[in-house]
Amino acid sequence: MATFKKFEDIQAWNKARGLTRKIYGASNQGHFARDFGLRDQIRRASVSIMSNIAEGYDRNGTGEFIQFLAIAKGSAAEVQSQLYVAFDQTYIDGPEFDELKGLASEAGG
């Protein structure tokens, strides 16, 4: 098992960070930017992935880390579900949906 010196060394955290950057970019555009409920929820969910990985890493032990990773995985699924809403409302197109969903899947991996 890999040993990390800091949470920034964790590949899943870096993938979640990249996802969050892209979610913010996508949700700043067009109608998506004006759908405040969905925009804010998908942003919170993406931030939750990276936050739970970081918090879990800094907890006292493997058991707690695993628990927080499970929460992060759930947040990644939440982002994926919300991406379907964004796609169905034509806030994002097919290629952007596929890219973001793939990144969410990797981050929750």
Protein backbone atom coordinates (compact mmCIF):
# COMPACT_ATOMS: atom_id res chain seq x y z
CA MET A 1 0.00 0.00 0.00
CA ALA A 2 1.30 3.44 -0.90
CA THR A 3 2.33 5.82 1.84
CA PHE A 4 1.49 9.46 1.39
CA LYS A 5 3.34 12.33 3.02
CA LYS A 6 0.45 14.76 2.46
CA PHE A 7 -3.04 14.59 0.99
CA GLU A 8 -1.86 16.40 -2.14
CA ASP A 9 0.12 13.25 -2.98
CA ILE A 10 -3.07 11.21 -3.33
CA GLN A 11 -3.97 10.65 -6.97
CA ALA A 12 -7.72 10.60 -6.28
CA TRP A 13 -7.48 14.01 -4.57
CA ASN A 14 -5.70 15.43 -7.63
CA LYS A 15 -8.33 13.97 -9.94
CA ALA A 16 -11.06 15.47 -7.73
CA ARG A 17 -9.30 18.83 -7.87
CA GLY A 18 -9.23 18.69 -11.67
CA LEU A 19 -12.90 17.70 -11.75
CA THR A 20 -13.81 20.58 -9.45
CA ARG A 21 -11.95 23.05 -11.67
CA LYS A 22 -13.86 21.79 -14.72
CA ILE A 23 -17.22 21.73 -12.91
CA TYR A 24 -16.75 25.36 -11.91
CA GLY A 25 -15.84 26.24 -15.50
CA ALA A 26 -18.83 24.44 -16.99
CA SER A 27 -21.25 25.82 -14.42
CA ASN A 28 -20.12 29.39 -15.11
CA GLN A 29 -21.50 29.19 -18.66
CA GLY A 30 -24.88 30.09 -20.15
CA HIS A 31 -28.06 28.73 -18.62
CA PHE A 32 -26.08 26.51 -16.25
CA ALA A 33 -24.76 29.63 -14.50
CA ARG A 34 -28.33 30.83 -13.93
CA ASP A 35 -29.63 27.54 -12.54
CA PHE A 36 -28.47 28.45 -9.06
CA GLY A 37 -29.74 25.30 -7.35
CA LEU A 38 -28.06 22.82 -9.69
CA ARG A 39 -24.97 24.98 -10.11
CA ASP A 40 -24.41 25.29 -6.38
CA GLN A 41 -25.21 21.64 -5.64
CA ILE A 42 -22.88 20.19 -8.26
CA ARG A 43 -20.13 22.53 -7.11
CA ARG A 44 -20.61 21.51 -3.47
CA ALA A 45 -20.59 17.83 -4.42
CA SER A 46 -17.36 18.15 -6.41
CA VAL A 47 -15.68 20.09 -3.60
CA SER A 48 -16.91 17.42 -1.18
CA ILE A 49 -14.93 14.75 -3.02
CA MET A 50 -11.59 16.47 -2.53
CA SER A 51 -12.48 17.73 0.95
CA ASN A 52 -13.38 14.28 2.25
CA ILE A 53 -10.22 12.74 0.83
CA ALA A 54 -8.14 15.43 2.55
CA GLU A 55 -10.05 15.23 5.83
CA GLY A 56 -9.95 11.45 5.89
CA TYR A 57 -6.22 11.44 5.26
CA ASP A 58 -5.63 13.68 8.25
CA ARG A 59 -7.79 11.60 10.62
CA ASN A 60 -6.49 9.13 13.16
CA GLY A 61 -6.20 5.85 11.39
CA THR A 62 -7.00 3.73 8.41
CA GLY A 63 -10.58 3.02 9.45
CA GLU A 64 -11.54 6.68 9.48
CA PHE A 65 -9.68 7.29 6.22
CA ILE A 66 -11.66 4.49 4.57
CA GLN A 67 -14.91 5.96 5.92
CA PHE A 68 -14.12 9.37 4.43
CA LEU A 69 -13.11 7.77 1.12
CA ALA A 70 -16.53 6.13 1.02
CA ILE A 71 -18.15 9.54 1.53
CA ALA A 72 -15.99 10.97 -1.27
CA LYS A 73 -17.08 8.13 -3.54
CA GLY A 74 -20.70 8.93 -2.77
CA SER A 75 -20.11 12.58 -3.65
CA ALA A 76 -18.58 11.49 -6.97
CA ALA A 77 -21.77 9.54 -7.73
CA GLU A 78 -23.78 12.62 -6.80
CA VAL A 79 -21.79 14.69 -9.33
CA GLN A 80 -22.41 12.05 -11.99
CA SER A 81 -26.15 12.11 -11.32
CA GLN A 82 -26.24 15.91 -11.45
CA LEU A 83 -24.36 15.84 -14.73
CA TYR A 84 -27.32 13.95 -16.21
CA VAL A 85 -29.57 16.80 -15.13
CA ALA A 86 -27.21 19.35 -16.70
CA PHE A 87 -27.09 17.31 -19.90
CA ASP A 88 -30.86 16.81 -20.02
CA GLN A 89 -31.35 20.56 -19.63
CA THR A 90 -28.80 21.12 -22.45
CA TYR A 91 -26.49 23.05 -20.11
CA ILE A 92 -23.65 20.84 -21.33
CA ASP A 93 -23.24 18.90 -24.57
CA GLY A 94 -22.47 15.22 -25.07
CA PRO A 95 -18.67 15.45 -25.21
CA GLU A 96 -18.51 17.67 -22.13
CA PHE A 97 -20.90 15.33 -20.29
CA ASP A 98 -18.74 12.33 -21.18
CA GLU A 99 -15.55 14.10 -20.08
CA LEU A 100 -16.96 15.31 -16.76
CA LYS A 101 -18.67 12.01 -15.98
CA GLY A 102 -15.41 10.19 -16.69
CA LEU A 103 -13.48 12.51 -14.41
CA ALA A 104 -16.06 12.05 -11.64
CA SER A 105 -15.81 8.29 -12.05
CA GLU A 106 -12.01 8.44 -11.80
CA ALA A 107 -12.11 10.72 -8.76
CA GLY A 108 -14.53 8.41 -6.99
CA GLY A 109 -12.68 5.36 -8.24
